[in-house]
Amino acid sequence: MDLFSPKHLLIVLVVVLLVFGTKKLRTIGSDLGQAVRGFKESMKDGEREAETPPAAIEARQITGQEREKAAATDKTPANEKTPV
């Protein structure tokens, strides 16, 4: 007795048709097909993006001294009250 014999597969197909109906199976099939197509398209887009070189980074890196200066100017005294 083979688990996937044609008799077993036919019985499973008949039970699925009885439970879901043909209209529901068509909509499930078309939705599944659209999902697979969307997945393939996104995979192709990802491959295209990986092949293109990244944009040049124009922002300059802040050195340690510049970072300390920026932090010092952003600090407000602790005793100064802000208006509410």
PDB file of N, CA and C in Angstrom:
ATOM      1  N   MET A   1       0.847  -1.186   0.000  1.00  0.00           N
ATOM      2  CA  MET A   1       0.000   0.000   0.000  1.00  0.00           C
ATOM      3  C   MET A   1       0.890   1.245   0.000  1.00  0.00           C
ATOM      4  N   ASP A   2       0.791   1.956  -1.033  1.00  0.00           N
ATOM      5  CA  ASP A   2       1.543   3.197  -1.167  1.00  0.00           C
ATOM      6  C   ASP A   2       0.687   4.347  -0.647  1.00  0.00           C
ATOM      7  N   LEU A   3       1.293   5.246   0.080  1.00  0.00           N
ATOM      8  CA  LEU A   3       0.558   6.366   0.663  1.00  0.00           C
ATOM      9  C   LEU A   3       0.024   7.311  -0.415  1.00  0.00           C
ATOM     10  N   PHE A   4       0.790   7.525  -1.470  1.00  0.00           N
ATOM     11  CA  PHE A   4       0.390   8.454  -2.527  1.00  0.00           C
ATOM     12  C   PHE A   4      -0.054   7.724  -3.793  1.00  0.00           C
ATOM     13  N   SER A   5      -0.806   6.691  -3.646  1.00  0.00           N
ATOM     14  CA  SER A   5      -1.304   5.974  -4.817  1.00  0.00           C
ATOM     15  C   SER A   5      -2.403   6.808  -5.478  1.00  0.00           C
ATOM     16  N   PRO A   6      -2.678   6.589  -6.742  1.00  0.00           N
ATOM     17  CA  PRO A   6      -3.711   7.366  -7.433  1.00  0.00           C
ATOM     18  C   PRO A   6      -5.082   7.276  -6.763  1.00  0.00           C
ATOM     19  N   LYS A   7      -5.417   6.124  -6.178  1.00  0.00           N
ATOM     20  CA  LYS A   7      -6.705   5.984  -5.491  1.00  0.00           C
ATOM     21  C   LYS A   7      -6.790   6.940  -4.305  1.00  0.00           C
ATOM     22  N   HIS A   8      -5.717   7.015  -3.523  1.00  0.00           N
ATOM     23  CA  HIS A   8      -5.715   7.902  -2.352  1.00  0.00           C
ATOM     24  C   HIS A   8      -5.786   9.367  -2.763  1.00  0.00           C
ATOM     25  N   LEU A   9      -5.032   9.716  -3.777  1.00  0.00           N
ATOM     26  CA  LEU A   9      -5.048  11.106  -4.235  1.00  0.00           C
ATOM     27  C   LEU A   9      -6.415  11.493  -4.792  1.00  0.00           C
ATOM     28  N   LEU A  10      -7.072  10.571  -5.484  1.00  0.00           N
ATOM     29  CA  LEU A  10      -8.404  10.837  -6.011  1.00  0.00           C
ATOM     30  C   LEU A  10      -9.420  11.031  -4.886  1.00  0.00           C
ATOM     31  N   ILE A  11      -9.326  10.231  -3.843  1.00  0.00           N
ATOM     32  CA  ILE A  11     -10.226  10.369  -2.692  1.00  0.00           C
ATOM     33  C   ILE A  11     -10.010  11.717  -2.009  1.00  0.00           C
ATOM     34  N   VAL A  12      -8.759  12.101  -1.842  1.00  0.00           N
ATOM     35  CA  VAL A  12      -8.456  13.389  -1.208  1.00  0.00           C
ATOM     36  C   VAL A  12      -8.996  14.531  -2.064  1.00  0.00           C
ATOM     37  N   LEU A  13      -8.856  14.434  -3.378  1.00  0.00           N
ATOM     38  CA  LEU A  13      -9.357  15.468  -4.280  1.00  0.00           C
ATOM     39  C   LEU A  13     -10.871  15.594  -4.184  1.00  0.00           C
ATOM     40  N   VAL A  14     -11.574  14.483  -4.129  1.00  0.00           N
ATOM     41  CA  VAL A  14     -13.030  14.507  -4.019  1.00  0.00           C
ATOM     42  C   VAL A  14     -13.461  15.130  -2.695  1.00  0.00           C
ATOM     43  N   VAL A  15     -12.789  14.783  -1.612  1.00  0.00           N
ATOM     44  CA  VAL A  15     -13.131  15.345  -0.304  1.00  0.00           C
ATOM     45  C   VAL A  15     -12.888  16.849  -0.298  1.00  0.00           C
ATOM     46  N   VAL A  16     -11.777  17.292  -0.881  1.00  0.00           N
ATOM     47  CA  VAL A  16     -11.478  18.729  -0.940  1.00  0.00           C
ATOM     48  C   VAL A  16     -12.528  19.463  -1.759  1.00  0.00           C
ATOM     49  N   LEU A  17     -12.943  18.883  -2.871  1.00  0.00           N
ATOM     50  CA  LEU A  17     -13.989  19.498  -3.700  1.00  0.00           C
ATOM     51  C   LEU A  17     -15.308  19.598  -2.939  1.00  0.00           C
ATOM     52  N   LEU A  18     -15.637  18.580  -2.184  1.00  0.00           N
ATOM     53  CA  LEU A  18     -16.880  18.608  -1.415  1.00  0.00           C
ATOM     54  C   LEU A  18     -16.833  19.651  -0.301  1.00  0.00           C
ATOM     55  N   VAL A  19     -15.705  19.762   0.337  1.00  0.00           N
ATOM     56  CA  VAL A  19     -15.588  20.693   1.465  1.00  0.00           C
ATOM     57  C   VAL A  19     -15.562  22.143   0.981  1.00  0.00           C
ATOM     58  N   PHE A  20     -14.735  22.441   0.002  1.00  0.00           N
ATOM     59  CA  PHE A  20     -14.547  23.831  -0.419  1.00  0.00           C
ATOM     60  C   PHE A  20     -15.435  24.257  -1.580  1.00  0.00           C
ATOM     61  N   GLY A  21     -15.748  23.374  -2.473  1.00  0.00           N
ATOM     62  CA  GLY A  21     -16.520  23.751  -3.656  1.00  0.00           C
ATOM     63  C   GLY A  21     -15.601  24.268  -4.743  1.00  0.00           C
ATOM     64  N   THR A  22     -16.094  24.243  -5.968  1.00  0.00           N
ATOM     65  CA  THR A  22     -15.242  24.620  -7.097  1.00  0.00           C
ATOM     66  C   THR A  22     -14.958  26.117  -7.159  1.00  0.00           C
ATOM     67  N   LYS A  23     -15.946  26.933  -6.795  1.00  0.00           N
ATOM     68  CA  LYS A  23     -15.747  28.384  -6.861  1.00  0.00           C
ATOM     69  C   LYS A  23     -14.679  28.829  -5.861  1.00  0.00           C
ATOM     70  N   LYS A  24     -14.756  28.308  -4.654  1.00  0.00           N
ATOM     71  CA  LYS A  24     -13.777  28.665  -3.625  1.00  0.00           C
ATOM     72  C   LYS A  24     -12.379  28.194  -4.014  1.00  0.00           C
ATOM     73  N   LEU A  25     -12.286  26.999  -4.603  1.00  0.00           N
ATOM     74  CA  LEU A  25     -10.985  26.501  -5.036  1.00  0.00           C
ATOM     75  C   LEU A  25     -10.390  27.359  -6.144  1.00  0.00           C
ATOM     76  N   ARG A  26     -11.242  27.855  -7.055  1.00  0.00           N
ATOM     77  CA  ARG A  26     -10.738  28.749  -8.106  1.00  0.00           C
ATOM     78  C   ARG A  26     -10.169  30.023  -7.516  1.00  0.00           C
ATOM     79  N   THR A  27     -10.880  30.620  -6.570  1.00  0.00           N
ATOM     80  CA  THR A  27     -10.391  31.872  -5.973  1.00  0.00           C
ATOM     81  C   THR A  27      -9.121  31.631  -5.172  1.00  0.00           C
ATOM     82  N   ILE A  28      -9.054  30.504  -4.468  1.00  0.00           N
ATOM     83  CA  ILE A  28      -7.836  30.184  -3.721  1.00  0.00           C
ATOM     84  C   ILE A  28      -6.668  30.007  -4.682  1.00  0.00           C
ATOM     85  N   GLY A  29      -6.911  29.315  -5.799  1.00  0.00           N
ATOM     86  CA  GLY A  29      -5.854  29.098  -6.795  1.00  0.00           C
ATOM     87  C   GLY A  29      -5.368  30.389  -7.409  1.00  0.00           C
ATOM     88  N   SER A  30      -6.298  31.281  -7.745  1.00  0.00           N
ATOM     89  CA  SER A  30      -5.875  32.537  -8.367  1.00  0.00           C
ATOM     90  C   SER A  30      -5.144  33.423  -7.352  1.00  0.00           C
ATOM     91  N   ASP A  31      -5.596  33.433  -6.111  1.00  0.00           N
ATOM     92  CA  ASP A  31      -4.908  34.215  -5.080  1.00  0.00           C
ATOM     93  C   ASP A  31      -3.505  33.677  -4.831  1.00  0.00           C
ATOM     94  N   LEU A  32      -3.388  32.368  -4.824  1.00  0.00           N
ATOM     95  CA  LEU A  32      -2.080  31.760  -4.626  1.00  0.00           C
ATOM     96  C   LEU A  32      -1.157  32.080  -5.800  1.00  0.00           C
ATOM     97  N   GLY A  33      -1.694  32.049  -7.013  1.00  0.00           N
ATOM     98  CA  GLY A  33      -0.896  32.394  -8.189  1.00  0.00           C
ATOM     99  C   GLY A  33      -0.408  33.833  -8.160  1.00  0.00           C
ATOM    100  N   GLN A  34      -1.276  34.757  -7.748  1.00  0.00           N
ATOM    101  CA  GLN A  34      -0.879  36.162  -7.642  1.00  0.00           C
ATOM    102  C   GLN A  34       0.192  36.347  -6.579  1.00  0.00           C
ATOM    103  N   ALA A  35       0.070  35.617  -5.488  1.00  0.00           N
ATOM    104  CA  ALA A  35       1.070  35.725  -4.425  1.00  0.00           C
ATOM    105  C   ALA A  35       2.425  35.230  -4.899  1.00  0.00           C
ATOM    106  N   VAL A  36       2.442  34.140  -5.634  1.00  0.00           N
ATOM    107  CA  VAL A  36       3.703  33.605  -6.149  1.00  0.00           C
ATOM    108  C   VAL A  36       4.322  34.571  -7.158  1.00  0.00           C
ATOM    109  N   ARG A  37       3.491  35.150  -8.049  1.00  0.00           N
ATOM    110  CA  ARG A  37       4.016  36.133  -9.013  1.00  0.00           C
ATOM    111  C   ARG A  37       4.584  37.357  -8.300  1.00  0.00           C
ATOM    112  N   GLY A  38       3.891  37.836  -7.273  1.00  0.00           N
ATOM    113  CA  GLY A  38       4.396  38.984  -6.520  1.00  0.00           C
ATOM    114  C   GLY A  38       5.711  38.670  -5.827  1.00  0.00           C
ATOM    115  N   PHE A  39       5.816  37.452  -5.293  1.00  0.00           N
ATOM    116  CA  PHE A  39       7.055  37.053  -4.639  1.00  0.00           C
ATOM    117  C   PHE A  39       8.206  37.005  -5.629  1.00  0.00           C
ATOM    118  N   LYS A  40       7.960  36.444  -6.812  1.00  0.00           N
ATOM    119  CA  LYS A  40       9.013  36.371  -7.836  1.00  0.00           C
ATOM    120  C   LYS A  40       9.448  37.758  -8.283  1.00  0.00           C
ATOM    121  N   GLU A  41       8.477  38.671  -8.451  1.00  0.00           N
ATOM    122  CA  GLU A  41       8.812  40.040  -8.861  1.00  0.00           C
ATOM    123  C   GLU A  41       9.651  40.742  -7.800  1.00  0.00           C
ATOM    124  N   SER A  42       9.313  40.552  -6.538  1.00  0.00           N
ATOM    125  CA  SER A  42      10.087  41.200  -5.482  1.00  0.00           C
ATOM    126  C   SER A  42      11.487  40.607  -5.385  1.00  0.00           C
ATOM    127  N   MET A  43      11.614  39.314  -5.664  1.00  0.00           N
ATOM    128  CA  MET A  43      12.946  38.715  -5.679  1.00  0.00           C
ATOM    129  C   MET A  43      13.789  39.297  -6.813  1.00  0.00           C
ATOM    130  N   LYS A  44      13.177  39.486  -7.985  1.00  0.00           N
ATOM    131  CA  LYS A  44      13.905  40.073  -9.115  1.00  0.00           C
ATOM    132  C   LYS A  44      14.294  41.516  -8.804  1.00  0.00           C
ATOM    133  N   ASP A  45      13.384  42.268  -8.165  1.00  0.00           N
ATOM    134  CA  ASP A  45      13.701  43.649  -7.793  1.00  0.00           C
ATOM    135  C   ASP A  45      14.858  43.686  -6.804  1.00  0.00           C
ATOM    136  N   GLY A  46      14.862  42.764  -5.862  1.00  0.00           N
ATOM    137  CA  GLY A  46      15.952  42.699  -4.891  1.00  0.00           C
ATOM    138  C   GLY A  46      17.278  42.394  -5.560  1.00  0.00           C
ATOM    139  N   GLU A  47      17.258  41.499  -6.543  1.00  0.00           N
ATOM    140  CA  GLU A  47      18.486  41.182  -7.269  1.00  0.00           C
ATOM    141  C   GLU A  47      18.971  42.389  -8.059  1.00  0.00           C
ATOM    142  N   ARG A  48      18.035  43.138  -8.663  1.00  0.00           N
ATOM    143  CA  ARG A  48      18.427  44.336  -9.419  1.00  0.00           C
ATOM    144  C   ARG A  48      19.044  45.384  -8.497  1.00  0.00           C
ATOM    145  N   GLU A  49      18.448  45.559  -7.315  1.00  0.00           N
ATOM    146  CA  GLU A  49      18.984  46.537  -6.375  1.00  0.00           C
ATOM    147  C   GLU A  49      20.357  46.125  -5.872  1.00  0.00           C
ATOM    148  N   ALA A  50      20.574  44.828  -5.710  1.00  0.00           N
ATOM    149  CA  ALA A  50      21.872  44.356  -5.247  1.00  0.00           C
ATOM    150  C   ALA A  50      22.948  44.559  -6.311  1.00  0.00           C
ATOM    151  N   GLU A  51      22.562  44.522  -7.577  1.00  0.00           N
ATOM    152  CA  GLU A  51      23.525  44.695  -8.654  1.00  0.00           C
ATOM    153  C   GLU A  51      23.924  46.147  -8.861  1.00  0.00           C
ATOM    154  N   THR A  52      23.038  47.088  -8.561  1.00  0.00           N
ATOM    155  CA  THR A  52      23.351  48.498  -8.764  1.00  0.00           C
ATOM    156  C   THR A  52      24.223  49.003  -7.619  1.00  0.00           C
ATOM    157  N   PRO A  53      25.213  49.846  -7.910  1.00  0.00           N
ATOM    158  CA  PRO A  53      26.084  50.353  -6.849  1.00  0.00           C
ATOM    159  C   PRO A  53      25.322  51.337  -5.957  1.00  0.00           C
ATOM    160  N   PRO A  54      25.636  51.352  -4.685  1.00  0.00           N
ATOM    161  CA  PRO A  54      24.947  52.284  -3.790  1.00  0.00           C
ATOM    162  C   PRO A  54      25.314  53.723  -4.117  1.00  0.00           C
ATOM    163  N   ALA A  55      24.421  54.634  -3.769  1.00  0.00           N
ATOM    164  CA  ALA A  55      24.659  56.051  -4.030  1.00  0.00           C
ATOM    165  C   ALA A  55      25.832  56.535  -3.183  1.00  0.00           C
ATOM    166  N   ALA A  56      26.546  57.496  -3.734  1.00  0.00           N
ATOM    167  CA  ALA A  56      27.692  58.038  -3.013  1.00  0.00           C
ATOM    168  C   ALA A  56      27.221  58.749  -1.761  1.00  0.00           C
ATOM    169  N   ILE A  57      27.902  58.497  -0.682  1.00  0.00           N
ATOM    170  CA  ILE A  57      27.546  59.134   0.588  1.00  0.00           C
ATOM    171  C   ILE A  57      28.180  60.515   0.618  1.00  0.00           C
ATOM    172  N   GLU A  58      27.326  61.520   0.704  1.00  0.00           N
ATOM    173  CA  GLU A  58      27.821  62.896   0.664  1.00  0.00           C
ATOM    174  C   GLU A  58      28.036  63.470   2.056  1.00  0.00           C
ATOM    175  N   ALA A  59      27.430  62.863   3.049  1.00  0.00           N
ATOM    176  CA  ALA A  59      27.567  63.401   4.401  1.00  0.00           C
ATOM    177  C   ALA A  59      28.966  63.111   4.923  1.00  0.00           C
ATOM    178  N   ARG A  60      29.573  64.084   5.501  1.00  0.00           N
ATOM    179  CA  ARG A  60      30.917  63.880   6.026  1.00  0.00           C
ATOM    180  C   ARG A  60      30.821  63.320   7.426  1.00  0.00           C
ATOM    181  N   GLN A  61      31.846  62.606   7.843  1.00  0.00           N
ATOM    182  CA  GLN A  61      31.842  62.023   9.169  1.00  0.00           C
ATOM    183  C   GLN A  61      32.340  63.064  10.160  1.00  0.00           C
ATOM    184  N   ILE A  62      31.711  63.054  11.302  1.00  0.00           N
ATOM    185  CA  ILE A  62      32.079  64.008  12.343  1.00  0.00           C
ATOM    186  C   ILE A  62      33.221  63.418  13.157  1.00  0.00           C
ATOM    187  N   THR A  63      34.256  64.199  13.335  1.00  0.00           N
ATOM    188  CA  THR A  63      35.388  63.735  14.131  1.00  0.00           C
ATOM    189  C   THR A  63      35.045  63.849  15.606  1.00  0.00           C
ATOM    190  N   GLY A  64      35.861  63.282  16.429  1.00  0.00           N
ATOM    191  CA  GLY A  64      35.621  63.289  17.875  1.00  0.00           C
ATOM    192  C   GLY A  64      35.551  64.698  18.443  1.00  0.00           C
ATOM    193  N   GLN A  65      36.428  65.601  18.013  1.00  0.00           N
ATOM    194  CA  GLN A  65      36.426  66.971  18.526  1.00  0.00           C
ATOM    195  C   GLN A  65      35.170  67.710  18.088  1.00  0.00           C
ATOM    196  N   GLU A  66      34.746  67.540  16.860  1.00  0.00           N
ATOM    197  CA  GLU A  66      33.538  68.208  16.380  1.00  0.00           C
ATOM    198  C   GLU A  66      32.309  67.698  17.115  1.00  0.00           C
ATOM    199  N   ARG A  67      32.310  66.421  17.450  1.00  0.00           N
ATOM    200  CA  ARG A  67      31.190  65.845  18.184  1.00  0.00           C
ATOM    201  C   ARG A  67      31.110  66.454  19.591  1.00  0.00           C
ATOM    202  N   GLU A  68      32.252  66.632  20.230  1.00  0.00           N
ATOM    203  CA  GLU A  68      32.270  67.236  21.571  1.00  0.00           C
ATOM    204  C   GLU A  68      31.798  68.685  21.521  1.00  0.00           C
ATOM    205  N   LYS A  69      32.211  69.428  20.491  1.00  0.00           N
ATOM    206  CA  LYS A  69      31.772  70.813  20.347  1.00  0.00           C
ATOM    207  C   LYS A  69      30.268  70.890  20.138  1.00  0.00           C
ATOM    208  N   ALA A  70      29.736  70.026  19.315  1.00  0.00           N
ATOM    209  CA  ALA A  70      28.299  70.021  19.048  1.00  0.00           C
ATOM    210  C   ALA A  70      27.523  69.656  20.308  1.00  0.00           C
ATOM    211  N   ALA A  71      28.025  68.722  21.086  1.00  0.00           N
ATOM    212  CA  ALA A  71      27.346  68.321  22.313  1.00  0.00           C
ATOM    213  C   ALA A  71      27.391  69.454  23.335  1.00  0.00           C
ATOM    214  N   ALA A  72      28.493  70.202  23.367  1.00  0.00           N
ATOM    215  CA  ALA A  72      28.620  71.293  24.327  1.00  0.00           C
ATOM    216  C   ALA A  72      27.673  72.440  23.986  1.00  0.00           C
ATOM    217  N   THR A  73      27.470  72.715  22.727  1.00  0.00           N
ATOM    218  CA  THR A  73      26.583  73.817  22.351  1.00  0.00           C
ATOM    219  C   THR A  73      25.116  73.434  22.494  1.00  0.00           C
ATOM    220  N   ASP A  74      24.790  72.160  22.430  1.00  0.00           N
ATOM    221  CA  ASP A  74      23.405  71.725  22.551  1.00  0.00           C
ATOM    222  C   ASP A  74      22.924  71.653  23.998  1.00  0.00           C
ATOM    223  N   LYS A  75      23.850  71.621  24.949  1.00  0.00           N
ATOM    224  CA  LYS A  75      23.465  71.487  26.354  1.00  0.00           C
ATOM    225  C   LYS A  75      22.947  72.821  26.889  1.00  0.00           C
ATOM    226  N   THR A  76      21.889  72.757  27.640  1.00  0.00           N
ATOM    227  CA  THR A  76      21.385  73.942  28.334  1.00  0.00           C
ATOM    228  C   THR A  76      21.647  73.761  29.812  1.00  0.00           C
ATOM    229  N   PRO A  77      21.869  74.846  30.533  1.00  0.00           N
ATOM    230  CA  PRO A  77      22.128  74.715  31.954  1.00  0.00           C
ATOM    231  C   PRO A  77      20.966  74.025  32.669  1.00  0.00           C
ATOM    232  N   ALA A  78      21.296  73.256  33.696  1.00  0.00           N
ATOM    233  CA  ALA A  78      20.277  72.481  34.426  1.00  0.00           C
ATOM    234  C   ALA A  78      19.377  73.390  35.242  1.00  0.00           C
ATOM    235  N   ASN A  79      19.892  74.538  35.705  1.00  0.00           N
ATOM    236  CA  ASN A  79      19.081  75.423  36.539  1.00  0.00           C
ATOM    237  C   ASN A  79      18.182  76.349  35.713  1.00  0.00           C
ATOM    238  N   GLU A  80      18.353  76.387  34.413  1.00  0.00           N
ATOM    239  CA  GLU A  80      17.533  77.228  33.566  1.00  0.00           C
ATOM    240  C   GLU A  80      16.182  76.551  33.340  1.00  0.00           C
ATOM    241  N   LYS A  81      15.104  77.296  33.611  1.00  0.00           N
ATOM    242  CA  LYS A  81      13.769  76.750  33.459  1.00  0.00           C
ATOM    243  C   LYS A  81      13.250  77.091  32.069  1.00  0.00           C
ATOM    244  N   THR A  82      12.568  76.140  31.469  1.00  0.00           N
ATOM    245  CA  THR A  82      11.991  76.385  30.167  1.00  0.00           C
ATOM    246  C   THR A  82      10.532  76.797  30.334  1.00  0.00           C
ATOM    247  N   PRO A  83      10.040  77.755  29.536  1.00  0.00           N
ATOM    248  CA  PRO A  83       8.657  78.193  29.655  1.00  0.00           C
ATOM    249  C   PRO A  83       7.698  77.080  29.204  1.00  0.00           C
ATOM    250  N   VAL A  84       6.603  76.986  29.890  1.00  0.00           N
ATOM    251  CA  VAL A  84       5.627  75.924  29.566  1.00  0.00           C
ATOM    252  C   VAL A  84       4.396  76.519  28.938  1.00  0.00           C
TER     253      VAL A  84
END
